[in-house]
Amino acid sequence: MRNRSEPSVDTGGAGCAGGAEGEVEVEGDADVVRFAFDGRALAARPGQSIAGALWGHGIVAWRTTRGGGRPRGAFCGMGVCFDCLVVVNGVPGQRACLVRVSEGDAVTSQEGHGHGALGG
């Protein structure tokens, strides 16, 4: 079964399960979870990790390293490497591979470890 999302919700293209733009494929009667990433409205499956939702939209890098600004995304997928850090609802240092996306979440890219001038 496919739930049609609102036209203002970007459900991706490349790498997005579901096919046509404006659709998110979900099984059964599951609802679509809407969230924002860097100000862009996106949709995800309930229970999906933030990393999984971003991958589904073709977004594979969402953090830059403090030294050099090199792109990073999910690497280990189990919370060990800390390469997938994002800011969720204003809280930095959240591991996108472990945090489930929730309705209305505001997720933003993170530079380095997300703690300004702190070391580490």
PDB file of N, CA and C in Angstrom:
ATOM      1  N   MET A   1       0.836  -1.169   0.000  1.00  0.00           N
ATOM      2  CA  MET A   1       0.000   0.000   0.000  1.00  0.00           C
ATOM      3  C   MET A   1       0.885   1.238   0.000  1.00  0.00           C
ATOM      4  N   ARG A   2       0.526   2.249  -0.739  1.00  0.00           N
ATOM      5  CA  ARG A   2       1.293   3.484  -0.779  1.00  0.00           C
ATOM      6  C   ARG A   2       0.470   4.614  -0.202  1.00  0.00           C
ATOM      7  N   ASN A   3       1.097   5.358   0.677  1.00  0.00           N
ATOM      8  CA  ASN A   3       0.470   6.568   1.192  1.00  0.00           C
ATOM      9  C   ASN A   3       0.999   7.737   0.392  1.00  0.00           C
ATOM     10  N   ARG A   4       0.130   8.573  -0.074  1.00  0.00           N
ATOM     11  CA  ARG A   4       0.570   9.759  -0.804  1.00  0.00           C
ATOM     12  C   ARG A   4       0.924  10.831   0.214  1.00  0.00           C
ATOM     13  N   SER A   5       2.106  11.365   0.072  1.00  0.00           N
ATOM     14  CA  SER A   5       2.486  12.469   0.947  1.00  0.00           C
ATOM     15  C   SER A   5       2.097  13.779   0.277  1.00  0.00           C
ATOM     16  N   GLU A   6       2.073  14.825   1.059  1.00  0.00           N
ATOM     17  CA  GLU A   6       1.710  16.130   0.534  1.00  0.00           C
ATOM     18  C   GLU A   6       2.771  16.586  -0.455  1.00  0.00           C
ATOM     19  N   PRO A   7       2.407  17.362  -1.467  1.00  0.00           N
ATOM     20  CA  PRO A   7       3.370  17.826  -2.458  1.00  0.00           C
ATOM     21  C   PRO A   7       4.543  18.588  -1.867  1.00  0.00           C
ATOM     22  N   SER A   8       4.368  19.241  -0.711  1.00  0.00           N
ATOM     23  CA  SER A   8       5.452  20.014  -0.119  1.00  0.00           C
ATOM     24  C   SER A   8       6.476  19.126   0.578  1.00  0.00           C
ATOM     25  N   VAL A   9       6.198  17.845   0.707  1.00  0.00           N
ATOM     26  CA  VAL A   9       7.114  16.925   1.361  1.00  0.00           C
ATOM     27  C   VAL A   9       7.955  16.251   0.301  1.00  0.00           C
ATOM     28  N   ASP A  10       9.271  16.453   0.375  1.00  0.00           N
ATOM     29  CA  ASP A  10      10.188  15.850  -0.580  1.00  0.00           C
ATOM     30  C   ASP A  10      10.454  14.421  -0.141  1.00  0.00           C
ATOM     31  N   THR A  11      10.081  13.476  -0.953  1.00  0.00           N
ATOM     32  CA  THR A  11      10.311  12.075  -0.609  1.00  0.00           C
ATOM     33  C   THR A  11      11.429  11.484  -1.436  1.00  0.00           C
ATOM     34  N   GLY A  12      12.242  12.328  -2.010  1.00  0.00           N
ATOM     35  CA  GLY A  12      13.452  11.859  -2.658  1.00  0.00           C
ATOM     36  C   GLY A  12      13.266  11.409  -4.072  1.00  0.00           C
ATOM     37  N   GLY A  13      14.222  10.698  -4.532  1.00  0.00           N
ATOM     38  CA  GLY A  13      14.258  10.180  -5.883  1.00  0.00           C
ATOM     39  C   GLY A  13      15.269   9.066  -5.886  1.00  0.00           C
ATOM     40  N   ALA A  14      16.513   9.387  -6.184  1.00  0.00           N
ATOM     41  CA  ALA A  14      17.574   8.391  -6.242  1.00  0.00           C
ATOM     42  C   ALA A  14      17.701   7.695  -4.896  1.00  0.00           C
ATOM     43  N   GLY A  15      17.652   6.396  -4.914  1.00  0.00           N
ATOM     44  CA  GLY A  15      17.834   5.611  -3.711  1.00  0.00           C
ATOM     45  C   GLY A  15      16.632   5.552  -2.801  1.00  0.00           C
ATOM     46  N   CYS A  16      15.535   6.142  -3.178  1.00  0.00           N
ATOM     47  CA  CYS A  16      14.354   6.163  -2.326  1.00  0.00           C
ATOM     48  C   CYS A  16      13.425   5.023  -2.698  1.00  0.00           C
ATOM     49  N   ALA A  17      13.130   4.172  -1.738  1.00  0.00           N
ATOM     50  CA  ALA A  17      12.147   3.126  -1.991  1.00  0.00           C
ATOM     51  C   ALA A  17      10.809   3.792  -2.195  1.00  0.00           C
ATOM     52  N   GLY A  18      10.112   3.417  -3.179  1.00  0.00           N
ATOM     53  CA  GLY A  18       8.794   3.978  -3.388  1.00  0.00           C
ATOM     54  C   GLY A  18       8.560   4.439  -4.794  1.00  0.00           C
ATOM     55  N   GLY A  19       9.576   4.903  -5.463  1.00  0.00           N
ATOM     56  CA  GLY A  19       9.405   5.231  -6.859  1.00  0.00           C
ATOM     57  C   GLY A  19       9.131   6.678  -7.131  1.00  0.00           C
ATOM     58  N   ALA A  20       7.938   6.971  -7.616  1.00  0.00           N
ATOM     59  CA  ALA A  20       7.613   8.300  -8.118  1.00  0.00           C
ATOM     60  C   ALA A  20       7.767   9.361  -7.043  1.00  0.00           C
ATOM     61  N   GLU A  21       8.215  10.536  -7.473  1.00  0.00           N
ATOM     62  CA  GLU A  21       8.368  11.636  -6.531  1.00  0.00           C
ATOM     63  C   GLU A  21       7.022  11.959  -5.907  1.00  0.00           C
ATOM     64  N   GLY A  22       7.033  12.246  -4.603  1.00  0.00           N
ATOM     65  CA  GLY A  22       5.796  12.537  -3.901  1.00  0.00           C
ATOM     66  C   GLY A  22       5.185  11.318  -3.253  1.00  0.00           C
ATOM     67  N   GLU A  23       5.845  10.162  -3.349  1.00  0.00           N
ATOM     68  CA  GLU A  23       5.318   8.941  -2.743  1.00  0.00           C
ATOM     69  C   GLU A  23       6.373   8.301  -1.852  1.00  0.00           C
ATOM     70  N   VAL A  24       5.934   7.749  -0.762  1.00  0.00           N
ATOM     71  CA  VAL A  24       6.779   6.946   0.102  1.00  0.00           C
ATOM     72  C   VAL A  24       6.097   5.606   0.229  1.00  0.00           C
ATOM     73  N   GLU A  25       6.811   4.551  -0.082  1.00  0.00           N
ATOM     74  CA  GLU A  25       6.222   3.220   0.006  1.00  0.00           C
ATOM     75  C   GLU A  25       6.278   2.752   1.451  1.00  0.00           C
ATOM     76  N   VAL A  26       5.129   2.402   1.997  1.00  0.00           N
ATOM     77  CA  VAL A  26       5.048   1.881   3.355  1.00  0.00           C
ATOM     78  C   VAL A  26       4.208   0.623   3.330  1.00  0.00           C
ATOM     79  N   GLU A  27       4.478  -0.270   4.274  1.00  0.00           N
ATOM     80  CA  GLU A  27       3.735  -1.521   4.326  1.00  0.00           C
ATOM     81  C   GLU A  27       2.555  -1.392   5.273  1.00  0.00           C
ATOM     82  N   GLY A  28       1.479  -2.054   4.942  1.00  0.00           N
ATOM     83  CA  GLY A  28       0.296  -2.064   5.788  1.00  0.00           C
ATOM     84  C   GLY A  28      -0.323  -0.689   5.911  1.00  0.00           C
ATOM     85  N   ASP A  29      -0.817  -0.400   7.100  1.00  0.00           N
ATOM     86  CA  ASP A  29      -1.478   0.878   7.345  1.00  0.00           C
ATOM     87  C   ASP A  29      -0.564   1.876   8.046  1.00  0.00           C
ATOM     88  N   ALA A  30       0.738   1.673   7.932  1.00  0.00           N
ATOM     89  CA  ALA A  30       1.688   2.553   8.614  1.00  0.00           C
ATOM     90  C   ALA A  30       1.564   3.984   8.107  1.00  0.00           C
ATOM     91  N   ASP A  31       1.786   4.912   9.007  1.00  0.00           N
ATOM     92  CA  ASP A  31       1.763   6.323   8.646  1.00  0.00           C
ATOM     93  C   ASP A  31       3.148   6.751   8.181  1.00  0.00           C
ATOM     94  N   VAL A  32       3.191   7.850   7.495  1.00  0.00           N
ATOM     95  CA  VAL A  32       4.450   8.457   7.102  1.00  0.00           C
ATOM     96  C   VAL A  32       4.848   9.435   8.196  1.00  0.00           C
ATOM     97  N   VAL A  33       6.105   9.418   8.582  1.00  0.00           N
ATOM     98  CA  VAL A  33       6.635  10.340   9.576  1.00  0.00           C
ATOM     99  C   VAL A  33       7.281  11.496   8.821  1.00  0.00           C
ATOM    100  N   ARG A  34       6.882  12.705   9.147  1.00  0.00           N
ATOM    101  CA  ARG A  34       7.438  13.883   8.484  1.00  0.00           C
ATOM    102  C   ARG A  34       8.438  14.569   9.407  1.00  0.00           C
ATOM    103  N   PHE A  35       9.564  14.973   8.820  1.00  0.00           N
ATOM    104  CA  PHE A  35      10.598  15.670   9.574  1.00  0.00           C
ATOM    105  C   PHE A  35      11.319  16.616   8.626  1.00  0.00           C
ATOM    106  N   ALA A  36      12.193  17.442   9.171  1.00  0.00           N
ATOM    107  CA  ALA A  36      12.954  18.381   8.344  1.00  0.00           C
ATOM    108  C   ALA A  36      14.436  18.100   8.500  1.00  0.00           C
ATOM    109  N   PHE A  37      15.157  18.164   7.391  1.00  0.00           N
ATOM    110  CA  PHE A  37      16.610  18.050   7.415  1.00  0.00           C
ATOM    111  C   PHE A  37      17.189  19.283   6.737  1.00  0.00           C
ATOM    112  N   ASP A  38      17.932  20.062   7.486  1.00  0.00           N
ATOM    113  CA  ASP A  38      18.502  21.318   6.986  1.00  0.00           C
ATOM    114  C   ASP A  38      17.443  22.175   6.297  1.00  0.00           C
ATOM    115  N   GLY A  39      16.252  22.206   6.897  1.00  0.00           N
ATOM    116  CA  GLY A  39      15.164  23.030   6.391  1.00  0.00           C
ATOM    117  C   GLY A  39      14.360  22.415   5.262  1.00  0.00           C
ATOM    118  N   ARG A  40      14.720  21.233   4.829  1.00  0.00           N
ATOM    119  CA  ARG A  40      14.045  20.544   3.723  1.00  0.00           C
ATOM    120  C   ARG A  40      13.055  19.531   4.296  1.00  0.00           C
ATOM    121  N   ALA A  41      11.794  19.622   3.903  1.00  0.00           N
ATOM    122  CA  ALA A  41      10.765  18.703   4.397  1.00  0.00           C
ATOM    123  C   ALA A  41      10.958  17.329   3.770  1.00  0.00           C
ATOM    124  N   LEU A  42      11.036  16.299   4.623  1.00  0.00           N
ATOM    125  CA  LEU A  42      11.226  14.924   4.168  1.00  0.00           C
ATOM    126  C   LEU A  42      10.209  14.014   4.845  1.00  0.00           C
ATOM    127  N   ALA A  43      10.089  12.803   4.338  1.00  0.00           N
ATOM    128  CA  ALA A  43       9.208  11.796   4.930  1.00  0.00           C
ATOM    129  C   ALA A  43      10.005  10.521   5.156  1.00  0.00           C
ATOM    130  N   ALA A  44       9.589   9.751   6.157  1.00  0.00           N
ATOM    131  CA  ALA A  44      10.261   8.498   6.496  1.00  0.00           C
ATOM    132  C   ALA A  44       9.223   7.474   6.915  1.00  0.00           C
ATOM    133  N   ARG A  45       9.676   6.244   7.045  1.00  0.00           N
ATOM    134  CA  ARG A  45       8.822   5.184   7.570  1.00  0.00           C
ATOM    135  C   ARG A  45       8.874   5.234   9.094  1.00  0.00           C
ATOM    136  N   PRO A  46       7.785   4.941   9.769  1.00  0.00           N
ATOM    137  CA  PRO A  46       7.810   4.892  11.235  1.00  0.00           C
ATOM    138  C   PRO A  46       8.861   3.893  11.721  1.00  0.00           C
ATOM    139  N   GLY A  47       9.628   4.277  12.727  1.00  0.00           N
ATOM    140  CA  GLY A  47      10.649   3.405  13.288  1.00  0.00           C
ATOM    141  C   GLY A  47      11.979   3.454  12.567  1.00  0.00           C
ATOM    142  N   GLN A  48      12.056   4.178  11.467  1.00  0.00           N
ATOM    143  CA  GLN A  48      13.284   4.261  10.688  1.00  0.00           C
ATOM    144  C   GLN A  48      14.282   5.180  11.389  1.00  0.00           C
ATOM    145  N   SER A  49      15.561   4.820  11.321  1.00  0.00           N
ATOM    146  CA  SER A  49      16.583   5.690  11.889  1.00  0.00           C
ATOM    147  C   SER A  49      16.719   6.935  11.019  1.00  0.00           C
ATOM    148  N   ILE A  50      17.275   7.978  11.603  1.00  0.00           N
ATOM    149  CA  ILE A  50      17.509   9.195  10.829  1.00  0.00           C
ATOM    150  C   ILE A  50      18.442   8.883   9.668  1.00  0.00           C
ATOM    151  N   ALA A  51      19.493   8.103   9.920  1.00  0.00           N
ATOM    152  CA  ALA A  51      20.426   7.745   8.846  1.00  0.00           C
ATOM    153  C   ALA A  51      19.707   7.004   7.726  1.00  0.00           C
ATOM    154  N   GLY A  52      18.861   6.044   8.073  1.00  0.00           N
ATOM    155  CA  GLY A  52      18.109   5.296   7.062  1.00  0.00           C
ATOM    156  C   GLY A  52      17.193   6.188   6.255  1.00  0.00           C
ATOM    157  N   ALA A  53      16.550   7.133   6.940  1.00  0.00           N
ATOM    158  CA  ALA A  53      15.657   8.061   6.241  1.00  0.00           C
ATOM    159  C   ALA A  53      16.445   8.951   5.289  1.00  0.00           C
ATOM    160  N   LEU A  54      17.605   9.440   5.731  1.00  0.00           N
ATOM    161  CA  LEU A  54      18.421  10.284   4.859  1.00  0.00           C
ATOM    162  C   LEU A  54      18.946   9.491   3.670  1.00  0.00           C
ATOM    163  N   TRP A  55      19.405   8.275   3.910  1.00  0.00           N
ATOM    164  CA  TRP A  55      19.853   7.411   2.801  1.00  0.00           C
ATOM    165  C   TRP A  55      18.738   7.228   1.790  1.00  0.00           C
ATOM    166  N   GLY A  56      17.517   7.016   2.291  1.00  0.00           N
ATOM    167  CA  GLY A  56      16.370   6.811   1.414  1.00  0.00           C
ATOM    168  C   GLY A  56      16.092   7.994   0.504  1.00  0.00           C
ATOM    169  N   HIS A  57      16.615   9.146   0.865  1.00  0.00           N
ATOM    170  CA  HIS A  57      16.450  10.349   0.049  1.00  0.00           C
ATOM    171  C   HIS A  57      17.710  10.661  -0.743  1.00  0.00           C
ATOM    172  N   GLY A  58      18.647   9.715  -0.749  1.00  0.00           N
ATOM    173  CA  GLY A  58      19.880   9.913  -1.504  1.00  0.00           C
ATOM    174  C   GLY A  58      20.891  10.806  -0.811  1.00  0.00           C
ATOM    175  N   ILE A  59      20.671  11.105   0.460  1.00  0.00           N
ATOM    176  CA  ILE A  59      21.595  11.944   1.231  1.00  0.00           C
ATOM    177  C   ILE A  59      22.537  11.012   1.980  1.00  0.00           C
ATOM    178  N   VAL A  60      23.812  11.003   1.607  1.00  0.00           N
ATOM    179  CA  VAL A  60      24.755  10.058   2.202  1.00  0.00           C
ATOM    180  C   VAL A  60      25.808  10.726   3.084  1.00  0.00           C
ATOM    181  N   ALA A  61      25.888  12.051   3.064  1.00  0.00           N
ATOM    182  CA  ALA A  61      26.817  12.778   3.932  1.00  0.00           C
ATOM    183  C   ALA A  61      26.074  13.949   4.552  1.00  0.00           C
ATOM    184  N   TRP A  62      26.187  14.097   5.864  1.00  0.00           N
ATOM    185  CA  TRP A  62      25.466  15.168   6.547  1.00  0.00           C
ATOM    186  C   TRP A  62      26.279  15.798   7.670  1.00  0.00           C
ATOM    187  N   ARG A  63      27.540  15.520   7.731  1.00  0.00           N
ATOM    188  CA  ARG A  63      28.420  16.127   8.725  1.00  0.00           C
ATOM    189  C   ARG A  63      29.750  16.406   8.051  1.00  0.00           C
ATOM    190  N   THR A  64      30.471  17.396   8.549  1.00  0.00           N
ATOM    191  CA  THR A  64      31.823  17.639   8.060  1.00  0.00           C
ATOM    192  C   THR A  64      32.785  17.541   9.227  1.00  0.00           C
ATOM    193  N   THR A  65      34.007  17.132   8.930  1.00  0.00           N
ATOM    194  CA  THR A  65      35.012  17.017   9.977  1.00  0.00           C
ATOM    195  C   THR A  65      35.469  18.403  10.405  1.00  0.00           C
ATOM    196  N   ARG A  66      35.853  18.509  11.667  1.00  0.00           N
ATOM    197  CA  ARG A  66      36.313  19.783  12.210  1.00  0.00           C
ATOM    198  C   ARG A  66      37.598  20.216  11.519  1.00  0.00           C
ATOM    199  N   GLY A  67      38.496  19.285  11.287  1.00  0.00           N
ATOM    200  CA  GLY A  67      39.755  19.581  10.608  1.00  0.00           C
ATOM    201  C   GLY A  67      39.657  19.237   9.130  1.00  0.00           C
ATOM    202  N   GLY A  68      39.434  20.216   8.303  1.00  0.00           N
ATOM    203  CA  GLY A  68      39.413  19.975   6.860  1.00  0.00           C
ATOM    204  C   GLY A  68      38.043  20.008   6.224  1.00  0.00           C
ATOM    205  N   GLY A  69      36.982  19.924   7.013  1.00  0.00           N
ATOM    206  CA  GLY A  69      35.632  20.001   6.460  1.00  0.00           C
ATOM    207  C   GLY A  69      35.263  18.864   5.525  1.00  0.00           C
ATOM    208  N   ARG A  70      35.824  17.679   5.753  1.00  0.00           N
ATOM    209  CA  ARG A  70      35.526  16.532   4.890  1.00  0.00           C
ATOM    210  C   ARG A  70      34.147  15.958   5.221  1.00  0.00           C
ATOM    211  N   PRO A  71      33.401  15.539   4.197  1.00  0.00           N
ATOM    212  CA  PRO A  71      32.042  15.020   4.421  1.00  0.00           C
ATOM    213  C   PRO A  71      32.040  13.671   5.132  1.00  0.00           C
ATOM    214  N   ARG A  72      31.049  13.486   5.986  1.00  0.00           N
ATOM    215  CA  ARG A  72      30.864  12.228   6.698  1.00  0.00           C
ATOM    216  C   ARG A  72      29.381  11.903   6.750  1.00  0.00           C
ATOM    217  N   GLY A  73      29.079  10.610   6.841  1.00  0.00           N
ATOM    218  CA  GLY A  73      27.720  10.116   7.001  1.00  0.00           C
ATOM    219  C   GLY A  73      27.801   8.867   7.856  1.00  0.00           C
ATOM    220  N   ALA A  74      26.873   7.952   7.682  1.00  0.00           N
ATOM    221  CA  ALA A  74      26.895   6.702   8.448  1.00  0.00           C
ATOM    222  C   ALA A  74      27.993   5.800   7.899  1.00  0.00           C
ATOM    223  N   PHE A  75      28.785   5.228   8.783  1.00  0.00           N
ATOM    224  CA  PHE A  75      29.852   4.317   8.377  1.00  0.00           C
ATOM    225  C   PHE A  75      29.602   2.933   8.960  1.00  0.00           C
ATOM    226  N   CYS A  76      29.566   2.826  10.287  1.00  0.00           N
ATOM    227  CA  CYS A  76      29.406   1.509  10.910  1.00  0.00           C
ATOM    228  C   CYS A  76      27.942   1.093  11.016  1.00  0.00           C
ATOM    229  N   GLY A  77      27.045   2.054  11.142  1.00  0.00           N
ATOM    230  CA  GLY A  77      25.624   1.754  11.242  1.00  0.00           C
ATOM    231  C   GLY A  77      25.179   1.203  12.585  1.00  0.00           C
ATOM    232  N   MET A  78      26.085   1.214  13.595  1.00  0.00           N
ATOM    233  CA  MET A  78      25.706   0.677  14.901  1.00  0.00           C
ATOM    234  C   MET A  78      26.161   1.553  16.062  1.00  0.00           C
ATOM    235  N   GLY A  79      26.496   2.814  15.782  1.00  0.00           N
ATOM    236  CA  GLY A  79      26.784   3.764  16.841  1.00  0.00           C
ATOM    237  C   GLY A  79      28.186   3.775  17.391  1.00  0.00           C
ATOM    238  N   VAL A  80      29.116   3.061  16.763  1.00  0.00           N
ATOM    239  CA  VAL A  80      30.467   2.963  17.289  1.00  0.00           C
ATOM    240  C   VAL A  80      31.406   4.035  16.735  1.00  0.00           C
ATOM    241  N   CYS A  81      31.267   4.386  15.464  1.00  0.00           N
ATOM    242  CA  CYS A  81      32.254   5.255  14.809  1.00  0.00           C
ATOM    243  C   CYS A  81      31.995   6.750  14.991  1.00  0.00           C
ATOM    244  N   PHE A  82      30.786   7.145  15.318  1.00  0.00           N
ATOM    245  CA  PHE A  82      30.404   8.542  15.517  1.00  0.00           C
ATOM    246  C   PHE A  82      30.572   9.398  14.260  1.00  0.00           C
ATOM    247  N   ASP A  83      30.622   8.797  13.090  1.00  0.00           N
ATOM    248  CA  ASP A  83      30.708   9.560  11.842  1.00  0.00           C
ATOM    249  C   ASP A  83      29.371  10.162  11.439  1.00  0.00           C
ATOM    250  N   CYS A  84      28.278   9.676  11.995  1.00  0.00           N
ATOM    251  CA  CYS A  84      26.942  10.086  11.540  1.00  0.00           C
ATOM    252  C   CYS A  84      26.288  11.148  12.422  1.00  0.00           C
ATOM    253  N   LEU A  85      27.079  11.901  13.167  1.00  0.00           N
ATOM    254  CA  LEU A  85      26.516  12.874  14.099  1.00  0.00           C
ATOM    255  C   LEU A  85      25.670  13.934  13.406  1.00  0.00           C
ATOM    256  N   VAL A  86      24.529  14.236  14.015  1.00  0.00           N
ATOM    257  CA  VAL A  86      23.622  15.286  13.549  1.00  0.00           C
ATOM    258  C   VAL A  86      23.117  16.057  14.765  1.00  0.00           C
ATOM    259  N   VAL A  87      22.490  17.180  14.496  1.00  0.00           N
ATOM    260  CA  VAL A  87      21.816  17.951  15.537  1.00  0.00           C
ATOM    261  C   VAL A  87      20.331  17.640  15.417  1.00  0.00           C
ATOM    262  N   VAL A  88      19.720  17.141  16.492  1.00  0.00           N
ATOM    263  CA  VAL A  88      18.297  16.796  16.479  1.00  0.00           C
ATOM    264  C   VAL A  88      17.573  17.694  17.477  1.00  0.00           C
ATOM    265  N   ASN A  89      16.663  18.498  16.969  1.00  0.00           N
ATOM    266  CA  ASN A  89      15.887  19.419  17.805  1.00  0.00           C
ATOM    267  C   ASN A  89      16.783  20.265  18.705  1.00  0.00           C
ATOM    268  N   GLY A  90      17.906  20.734  18.140  1.00  0.00           N
ATOM    269  CA  GLY A  90      18.828  21.609  18.858  1.00  0.00           C
ATOM    270  C   GLY A  90      19.873  20.910  19.696  1.00  0.00           C
ATOM    271  N   VAL A  91      19.835  19.583  19.785  1.00  0.00           N
ATOM    272  CA  VAL A  91      20.792  18.832  20.598  1.00  0.00           C
ATOM    273  C   VAL A  91      21.862  18.235  19.680  1.00  0.00           C
ATOM    274  N   PRO A  92      23.126  18.715  19.793  1.00  0.00           N
ATOM    275  CA  PRO A  92      24.189  18.197  18.927  1.00  0.00           C
ATOM    276  C   PRO A  92      24.669  16.822  19.372  1.00  0.00           C
ATOM    277  N   GLY A  93      25.442  16.181  18.510  1.00  0.00           N
ATOM    278  CA  GLY A  93      26.094  14.927  18.854  1.00  0.00           C
ATOM    279  C   GLY A  93      25.193  13.710  18.848  1.00  0.00           C
ATOM    280  N   GLN A  94      24.080  13.762  18.156  1.00  0.00           N
ATOM    281  CA  GLN A  94      23.162  12.623  18.092  1.00  0.00           C
ATOM    282  C   GLN A  94      23.594  11.690  16.964  1.00  0.00           C
ATOM    283  N   ARG A  95      23.690  10.408  17.249  1.00  0.00           N
ATOM    284  CA  ARG A  95      24.099   9.430  16.233  1.00  0.00           C
ATOM    285  C   ARG A  95      22.892   9.068  15.368  1.00  0.00           C
ATOM    286  N   ALA A  96      22.939   9.492  14.111  1.00  0.00           N
ATOM    287  CA  ALA A  96      21.818   9.310  13.184  1.00  0.00           C
ATOM    288  C   ALA A  96      21.498   7.843  12.939  1.00  0.00           C
ATOM    289  N   CYS A  97      22.474   6.962  13.117  1.00  0.00           N
ATOM    290  CA  CYS A  97      22.219   5.538  12.888  1.00  0.00           C
ATOM    291  C   CYS A  97      21.445   4.904  14.039  1.00  0.00           C
ATOM    292  N   LEU A  98      21.417   5.557  15.204  1.00  0.00           N
ATOM    293  CA  LEU A  98      20.732   5.000  16.376  1.00  0.00           C
ATOM    294  C   LEU A  98      19.424   5.701  16.719  1.00  0.00           C
ATOM    295  N   VAL A  99      19.301   6.967  16.361  1.00  0.00           N
ATOM    296  CA  VAL A  99      18.120   7.751  16.731  1.00  0.00           C
ATOM    297  C   VAL A  99      17.020   7.548  15.698  1.00  0.00           C
ATOM    298  N   ARG A 100      15.849   7.154  16.182  1.00  0.00           N
ATOM    299  CA  ARG A 100      14.699   6.997  15.280  1.00  0.00           C
ATOM    300  C   ARG A 100      14.106   8.357  14.965  1.00  0.00           C
ATOM    301  N   VAL A 101      13.724   8.529  13.716  1.00  0.00           N
ATOM    302  CA  VAL A 101      13.105   9.784  13.315  1.00  0.00           C
ATOM    303  C   VAL A 101      11.706   9.855  13.919  1.00  0.00           C
ATOM    304  N   SER A 102      11.357  11.018  14.442  1.00  0.00           N
ATOM    305  CA  SER A 102      10.039  11.238  15.035  1.00  0.00           C
ATOM    306  C   SER A 102       9.321  12.347  14.287  1.00  0.00           C
ATOM    307  N   GLU A 103       8.013  12.298  14.339  1.00  0.00           N
ATOM    308  CA  GLU A 103       7.188  13.310  13.680  1.00  0.00           C
ATOM    309  C   GLU A 103       7.614  14.706  14.128  1.00  0.00           C
ATOM    310  N   GLY A 104       7.874  15.573  13.157  1.00  0.00           N
ATOM    311  CA  GLY A 104       8.202  16.957  13.435  1.00  0.00           C
ATOM    312  C   GLY A 104       9.639  17.238  13.824  1.00  0.00           C
ATOM    313  N   ASP A 105      10.502  16.225  13.833  1.00  0.00           N
ATOM    314  CA  ASP A 105      11.904  16.450  14.188  1.00  0.00           C
ATOM    315  C   ASP A 105      12.539  17.484  13.268  1.00  0.00           C
ATOM    316  N   ALA A 106      13.389  18.320  13.853  1.00  0.00           N
ATOM    317  CA  ALA A 106      14.212  19.258  13.093  1.00  0.00           C
ATOM    318  C   ALA A 106      15.644  18.746  13.180  1.00  0.00           C
ATOM    319  N   VAL A 107      16.129  18.162  12.097  1.00  0.00           N
ATOM    320  CA  VAL A 107      17.462  17.578  12.038  1.00  0.00           C
ATOM    321  C   VAL A 107      18.328  18.493  11.178  1.00  0.00           C
ATOM    322  N   THR A 108      19.532  18.787  11.670  1.00  0.00           N
ATOM    323  CA  THR A 108      20.438  19.623  10.891  1.00  0.00           C
ATOM    324  C   THR A 108      21.819  18.992  10.828  1.00  0.00           C
ATOM    325  N   SER A 109      22.552  19.376   9.800  1.00  0.00           N
ATOM    326  CA  SER A 109      23.932  18.923   9.636  1.00  0.00           C
ATOM    327  C   SER A 109      24.760  19.418  10.812  1.00  0.00           C
ATOM    328  N   GLN A 110      25.864  18.726  11.058  1.00  0.00           N
ATOM    329  CA  GLN A 110      26.739  19.098  12.159  1.00  0.00           C
ATOM    330  C   GLN A 110      28.161  19.213  11.646  1.00  0.00           C
ATOM    331  N   GLU A 111      28.883  20.209  12.131  1.00  0.00           N
ATOM    332  CA  GLU A 111      30.295  20.354  11.796  1.00  0.00           C
ATOM    333  C   GLU A 111      31.117  19.841  12.963  1.00  0.00           C
ATOM    334  N   GLY A 112      32.050  18.948  12.692  1.00  0.00           N
ATOM    335  CA  GLY A 112      32.889  18.389  13.745  1.00  0.00           C
ATOM    336  C   GLY A 112      32.071  17.660  14.788  1.00  0.00           C
ATOM    337  N   HIS A 113      32.429  17.855  16.064  1.00  0.00           N
ATOM    338  CA  HIS A 113      31.735  17.162  17.155  1.00  0.00           C
ATOM    339  C   HIS A 113      30.528  17.938  17.651  1.00  0.00           C
ATOM    340  N   GLY A 114      30.329  19.161  17.164  1.00  0.00           N
ATOM    341  CA  GLY A 114      29.130  19.923  17.494  1.00  0.00           C
ATOM    342  C   GLY A 114      29.176  20.700  18.787  1.00  0.00           C
ATOM    343  N   HIS A 115      30.334  20.812  19.403  1.00  0.00           N
ATOM    344  CA  HIS A 115      30.424  21.511  20.682  1.00  0.00           C
ATOM    345  C   HIS A 115      31.308  22.751  20.601  1.00  0.00           C
ATOM    346  N   GLY A 116      31.250  23.464  19.506  1.00  0.00           N
ATOM    347  CA  GLY A 116      31.966  24.727  19.355  1.00  0.00           C
ATOM    348  C   GLY A 116      33.449  24.620  19.627  1.00  0.00           C
ATOM    349  N   ALA A 117      33.949  25.419  20.558  1.00  0.00           N
ATOM    350  CA  ALA A 117      35.376  25.501  20.832  1.00  0.00           C
ATOM    351  C   ALA A 117      35.879  24.410  21.778  1.00  0.00           C
ATOM    352  N   LEU A 118      35.024  23.518  22.219  1.00  0.00           N
ATOM    353  CA  LEU A 118      35.466  22.434  23.102  1.00  0.00           C
ATOM    354  C   LEU A 118      36.435  21.530  22.361  1.00  0.00           C
ATOM    355  N   GLY A 119      37.347  20.944  23.056  1.00  0.00           N
ATOM    356  CA  GLY A 119      38.305  20.027  22.436  1.00  0.00           C
ATOM    357  C   GLY A 119      37.669  18.704  22.101  1.00  0.00           C
ATOM    358  N   GLY A 120      38.389  17.884  21.329  1.00  0.00           N
ATOM    359  CA  GLY A 120      37.901  16.541  21.042  1.00  0.00           C
ATOM    360  C   GLY A 120      37.579  16.268  19.644  1.00  0.00           C
TER     361      GLY A 120
END
